[in-house]
Amino acid sequence: MTRENAKALLPTIEAYANGETIQFLARGKDIWEDLDHPSFLAGENYRIKPKPREWWIVGDTHFRNVHQVMGWSANHNGAEIFHVIEAP
C-alpha cells in the first residue's frame, strides 16, 4: 500500500473504528455490500454506507391514491404533508 492509498482510505478506516458500516463494491458488480470485517486492501472500492435520505412532500388525496406512501403524514390547510425515508 502506498502512502497515497493510505491517505485515501484513512477517512473510511476512521469511520469503521467509530462504528460506521463499511461497504465494498466488487469488481464487475454494481451493488454495494455491507462488510462486517473489512480488510481495506489497496485498489479495492470501499465506502462509508450512506445514511437514508429523507423528504417532505406536500400532496393531496390524489397523491396518496397514485403513490404507495410509506411513512408519516399530516394534514395542513387541506394538503397532506408526507415524511418519506429512503429504504436502505
N, C-alpha and C. Protein backbone atom coordinates (compact mmCIF):
# COMPACT_ATOMS: atom_id res chain seq x y z
N MET A 1 0.85 -1.17 0.00
CA MET A 1 0.00 0.00 0.00
C MET A 1 0.90 1.23 0.00
N THR A 2 0.55 2.17 -0.85
CA THR A 2 1.32 3.41 -0.90
C THR A 2 0.78 4.39 0.13
N ARG A 3 1.53 5.44 0.39
CA ARG A 3 1.07 6.48 1.30
C ARG A 3 -0.19 7.15 0.76
N GLU A 4 -0.25 7.30 -0.56
CA GLU A 4 -1.43 7.92 -1.18
C GLU A 4 -2.66 7.04 -0.95
N ASN A 5 -2.51 5.72 -1.10
CA ASN A 5 -3.63 4.81 -0.83
C ASN A 5 -4.06 4.90 0.63
N ALA A 6 -3.08 4.97 1.52
CA ALA A 6 -3.39 5.06 2.96
C ALA A 6 -4.15 6.35 3.26
N LYS A 7 -3.73 7.46 2.66
CA LYS A 7 -4.42 8.73 2.86
C LYS A 7 -5.86 8.67 2.35
N ALA A 8 -6.06 8.01 1.21
CA ALA A 8 -7.40 7.91 0.64
C ALA A 8 -8.31 7.03 1.50
N LEU A 9 -7.76 5.98 2.10
CA LEU A 9 -8.55 5.05 2.92
C LEU A 9 -8.76 5.53 4.35
N LEU A 10 -7.94 6.45 4.82
CA LEU A 10 -7.98 6.86 6.22
C LEU A 10 -9.37 7.29 6.71
N PRO A 11 -10.12 8.15 5.99
CA PRO A 11 -11.46 8.53 6.48
C PRO A 11 -12.39 7.32 6.62
N THR A 12 -12.28 6.36 5.71
CA THR A 12 -13.13 5.17 5.77
C THR A 12 -12.74 4.29 6.96
N ILE A 13 -11.45 4.14 7.19
CA ILE A 13 -10.98 3.35 8.33
C ILE A 13 -11.39 4.01 9.65
N GLU A 14 -11.28 5.33 9.72
CA GLU A 14 -11.70 6.05 10.93
C GLU A 14 -13.20 5.88 11.17
N ALA A 15 -13.98 5.95 10.10
CA ALA A 15 -15.43 5.76 10.23
C ALA A 15 -15.74 4.36 10.73
N TYR A 16 -15.03 3.36 10.23
CA TYR A 16 -15.22 1.98 10.69
C TYR A 16 -14.88 1.88 12.18
N ALA A 17 -13.77 2.51 12.59
CA ALA A 17 -13.37 2.48 14.00
C ALA A 17 -14.41 3.16 14.89
N ASN A 18 -15.15 4.11 14.33
CA ASN A 18 -16.19 4.83 15.08
C ASN A 18 -17.56 4.19 14.98
N GLY A 19 -17.65 2.99 14.40
CA GLY A 19 -18.91 2.25 14.38
C GLY A 19 -19.73 2.34 13.12
N GLU A 20 -19.26 3.06 12.11
CA GLU A 20 -20.00 3.17 10.85
C GLU A 20 -19.91 1.85 10.08
N THR A 21 -20.90 1.58 9.24
CA THR A 21 -20.88 0.41 8.38
C THR A 21 -20.09 0.74 7.13
N ILE A 22 -19.21 -0.19 6.74
CA ILE A 22 -18.40 -0.03 5.55
C ILE A 22 -18.95 -0.95 4.47
N GLN A 23 -18.96 -0.45 3.24
CA GLN A 23 -19.45 -1.23 2.11
C GLN A 23 -18.33 -1.44 1.10
N PHE A 24 -18.47 -2.52 0.31
CA PHE A 24 -17.48 -2.93 -0.67
C PHE A 24 -18.18 -3.10 -2.01
N LEU A 25 -17.56 -2.62 -3.07
CA LEU A 25 -18.07 -2.80 -4.43
C LEU A 25 -17.11 -3.74 -5.15
N ALA A 26 -17.57 -4.97 -5.37
CA ALA A 26 -16.73 -5.96 -6.04
C ALA A 26 -16.57 -5.60 -7.52
N ARG A 27 -15.45 -5.95 -8.07
CA ARG A 27 -15.19 -5.68 -9.48
C ARG A 27 -16.23 -6.40 -10.34
N GLY A 28 -16.77 -5.66 -11.30
CA GLY A 28 -17.76 -6.25 -12.20
C GLY A 28 -19.18 -6.27 -11.65
N LYS A 29 -19.38 -5.76 -10.45
CA LYS A 29 -20.72 -5.72 -9.86
C LYS A 29 -21.14 -4.27 -9.69
N ASP A 30 -22.44 -4.06 -9.53
CA ASP A 30 -22.93 -2.69 -9.33
C ASP A 30 -23.73 -2.56 -8.03
N ILE A 31 -23.53 -3.49 -7.10
CA ILE A 31 -24.24 -3.46 -5.82
C ILE A 31 -23.21 -3.38 -4.69
N TRP A 32 -23.38 -2.38 -3.84
CA TRP A 32 -22.51 -2.25 -2.67
C TRP A 32 -22.96 -3.24 -1.61
N GLU A 33 -22.00 -3.94 -0.99
CA GLU A 33 -22.30 -4.95 0.04
C GLU A 33 -21.74 -4.50 1.38
N ASP A 34 -22.53 -4.68 2.45
CA ASP A 34 -22.05 -4.37 3.80
C ASP A 34 -20.96 -5.36 4.20
N LEU A 35 -19.95 -4.88 4.90
CA LEU A 35 -18.87 -5.73 5.39
C LEU A 35 -18.85 -5.72 6.92
N ASP A 36 -18.76 -6.90 7.51
CA ASP A 36 -18.63 -6.99 8.96
C ASP A 36 -17.19 -6.70 9.39
N HIS A 37 -16.22 -7.21 8.61
CA HIS A 37 -14.79 -7.07 8.94
C HIS A 37 -14.02 -6.71 7.67
N PRO A 38 -14.04 -5.43 7.27
CA PRO A 38 -13.34 -5.04 6.04
C PRO A 38 -11.83 -5.24 6.15
N SER A 39 -11.22 -5.63 5.03
CA SER A 39 -9.77 -5.86 5.02
C SER A 39 -9.00 -4.63 4.56
N PHE A 40 -9.68 -3.69 3.91
CA PHE A 40 -9.08 -2.44 3.42
C PHE A 40 -7.85 -2.69 2.55
N LEU A 41 -8.02 -3.52 1.55
CA LEU A 41 -6.94 -3.79 0.60
C LEU A 41 -6.80 -2.62 -0.36
N ALA A 42 -5.59 -2.28 -0.70
CA ALA A 42 -5.33 -1.20 -1.65
C ALA A 42 -5.90 -1.57 -3.01
N GLY A 43 -6.47 -0.59 -3.69
CA GLY A 43 -7.00 -0.82 -5.02
C GLY A 43 -8.43 -1.32 -5.05
N GLU A 44 -9.02 -1.59 -3.91
CA GLU A 44 -10.41 -2.04 -3.86
C GLU A 44 -11.32 -0.85 -3.59
N ASN A 45 -12.60 -1.03 -3.84
CA ASN A 45 -13.59 0.05 -3.68
C ASN A 45 -14.34 -0.10 -2.36
N TYR A 46 -14.07 0.80 -1.43
CA TYR A 46 -14.75 0.84 -0.14
C TYR A 46 -15.44 2.19 0.01
N ARG A 47 -16.50 2.21 0.80
CA ARG A 47 -17.14 3.48 1.14
C ARG A 47 -17.85 3.34 2.47
N ILE A 48 -18.14 4.47 3.07
CA ILE A 48 -18.97 4.52 4.27
C ILE A 48 -20.41 4.41 3.79
N LYS A 49 -21.18 3.52 4.40
CA LYS A 49 -22.57 3.33 3.98
C LYS A 49 -23.33 4.64 4.14
N PRO A 50 -23.96 5.11 3.06
CA PRO A 50 -24.71 6.37 3.16
C PRO A 50 -25.92 6.25 4.08
N LYS A 51 -26.24 7.36 4.72
CA LYS A 51 -27.46 7.41 5.54
C LYS A 51 -28.66 7.54 4.61
N PRO A 52 -29.81 6.96 5.00
CA PRO A 52 -31.01 7.11 4.16
C PRO A 52 -31.39 8.59 4.01
N ARG A 53 -31.80 8.96 2.81
CA ARG A 53 -32.25 10.34 2.57
C ARG A 53 -33.70 10.48 3.04
N GLU A 54 -34.08 11.71 3.38
CA GLU A 54 -35.45 11.99 3.83
C GLU A 54 -36.02 13.14 3.01
N TRP A 55 -37.32 13.06 2.75
CA TRP A 55 -38.02 14.12 2.02
C TRP A 55 -39.31 14.47 2.75
N TRP A 56 -39.74 15.71 2.56
CA TRP A 56 -41.07 16.16 2.95
C TRP A 56 -41.78 16.48 1.64
N ILE A 57 -42.92 15.86 1.42
CA ILE A 57 -43.67 16.05 0.18
C ILE A 57 -45.06 16.58 0.53
N VAL A 58 -45.47 17.63 -0.15
CA VAL A 58 -46.81 18.17 0.01
C VAL A 58 -47.66 17.65 -1.13
N GLY A 59 -48.77 16.99 -0.81
CA GLY A 59 -49.63 16.42 -1.84
C GLY A 59 -51.08 16.52 -1.41
N ASP A 60 -51.91 15.80 -2.11
CA ASP A 60 -53.33 15.74 -1.76
C ASP A 60 -53.75 14.28 -1.76
N THR A 61 -55.05 14.03 -1.62
CA THR A 61 -55.51 12.64 -1.56
C THR A 61 -55.19 11.92 -2.87
N HIS A 62 -55.17 12.64 -4.00
CA HIS A 62 -54.81 12.02 -5.27
C HIS A 62 -53.38 11.47 -5.20
N PHE A 63 -52.46 12.23 -4.59
CA PHE A 63 -51.08 11.79 -4.45
C PHE A 63 -51.02 10.46 -3.69
N ARG A 64 -51.78 10.38 -2.60
CA ARG A 64 -51.78 9.15 -1.80
C ARG A 64 -52.37 7.99 -2.59
N ASN A 65 -53.39 8.25 -3.41
CA ASN A 65 -54.03 7.19 -4.18
C ASN A 65 -53.14 6.69 -5.33
N VAL A 66 -52.32 7.57 -5.89
CA VAL A 66 -51.48 7.21 -7.03
C VAL A 66 -50.17 6.56 -6.59
N HIS A 67 -49.61 7.02 -5.46
CA HIS A 67 -48.31 6.53 -4.99
C HIS A 67 -48.49 5.74 -3.71
N GLN A 68 -47.74 4.66 -3.60
CA GLN A 68 -47.75 3.90 -2.35
C GLN A 68 -46.86 4.64 -1.36
N VAL A 69 -47.48 5.29 -0.41
CA VAL A 69 -46.74 6.12 0.54
C VAL A 69 -46.52 5.33 1.82
N MET A 70 -45.25 5.20 2.19
CA MET A 70 -44.88 4.58 3.46
C MET A 70 -44.22 5.67 4.29
N GLY A 71 -44.73 5.94 5.44
CA GLY A 71 -44.13 6.98 6.27
C GLY A 71 -45.20 7.76 7.00
N TRP A 72 -44.80 8.88 7.52
CA TRP A 72 -45.65 9.71 8.36
C TRP A 72 -46.35 10.76 7.51
N SER A 73 -47.61 11.06 7.81
CA SER A 73 -48.29 12.14 7.09
C SER A 73 -49.12 12.96 8.06
N ALA A 74 -49.41 14.19 7.66
CA ALA A 74 -50.25 15.09 8.45
C ALA A 74 -51.06 15.94 7.48
N ASN A 75 -52.12 16.52 7.96
CA ASN A 75 -52.95 17.37 7.12
C ASN A 75 -52.74 18.82 7.57
N HIS A 76 -52.44 19.68 6.59
CA HIS A 76 -52.20 21.09 6.90
C HIS A 76 -52.89 21.94 5.85
N ASN A 77 -53.90 22.69 6.26
CA ASN A 77 -54.66 23.57 5.35
C ASN A 77 -55.17 22.84 4.11
N GLY A 78 -55.65 21.62 4.31
CA GLY A 78 -56.24 20.86 3.21
C GLY A 78 -55.25 20.06 2.39
N ALA A 79 -53.97 20.22 2.62
CA ALA A 79 -52.96 19.46 1.89
C ALA A 79 -52.30 18.47 2.85
N GLU A 80 -52.00 17.30 2.34
CA GLU A 80 -51.30 16.32 3.18
C GLU A 80 -49.79 16.54 3.03
N ILE A 81 -49.10 16.41 4.14
CA ILE A 81 -47.64 16.53 4.16
C ILE A 81 -47.11 15.15 4.53
N PHE A 82 -46.27 14.61 3.66
CA PHE A 82 -45.74 13.27 3.85
C PHE A 82 -44.26 13.33 4.20
N HIS A 83 -43.87 12.57 5.19
CA HIS A 83 -42.46 12.42 5.56
C HIS A 83 -42.02 11.05 5.03
N VAL A 84 -41.11 11.05 4.06
CA VAL A 84 -40.70 9.84 3.39
C VAL A 84 -39.22 9.61 3.68
N ILE A 85 -38.87 8.37 4.03
CA ILE A 85 -37.48 7.99 4.29
C ILE A 85 -37.10 6.91 3.29
N GLU A 86 -35.95 7.11 2.65
CA GLU A 86 -35.46 6.17 1.64
C GLU A 86 -35.17 4.82 2.28
N ALA A 87 -35.57 3.75 1.61
CA ALA A 87 -35.27 2.41 2.09
C ALA A 87 -33.79 2.09 1.86
N PRO A 88 -33.16 1.44 2.83
CA PRO A 88 -31.71 1.13 2.67
C PRO A 88 -31.47 0.12 1.57
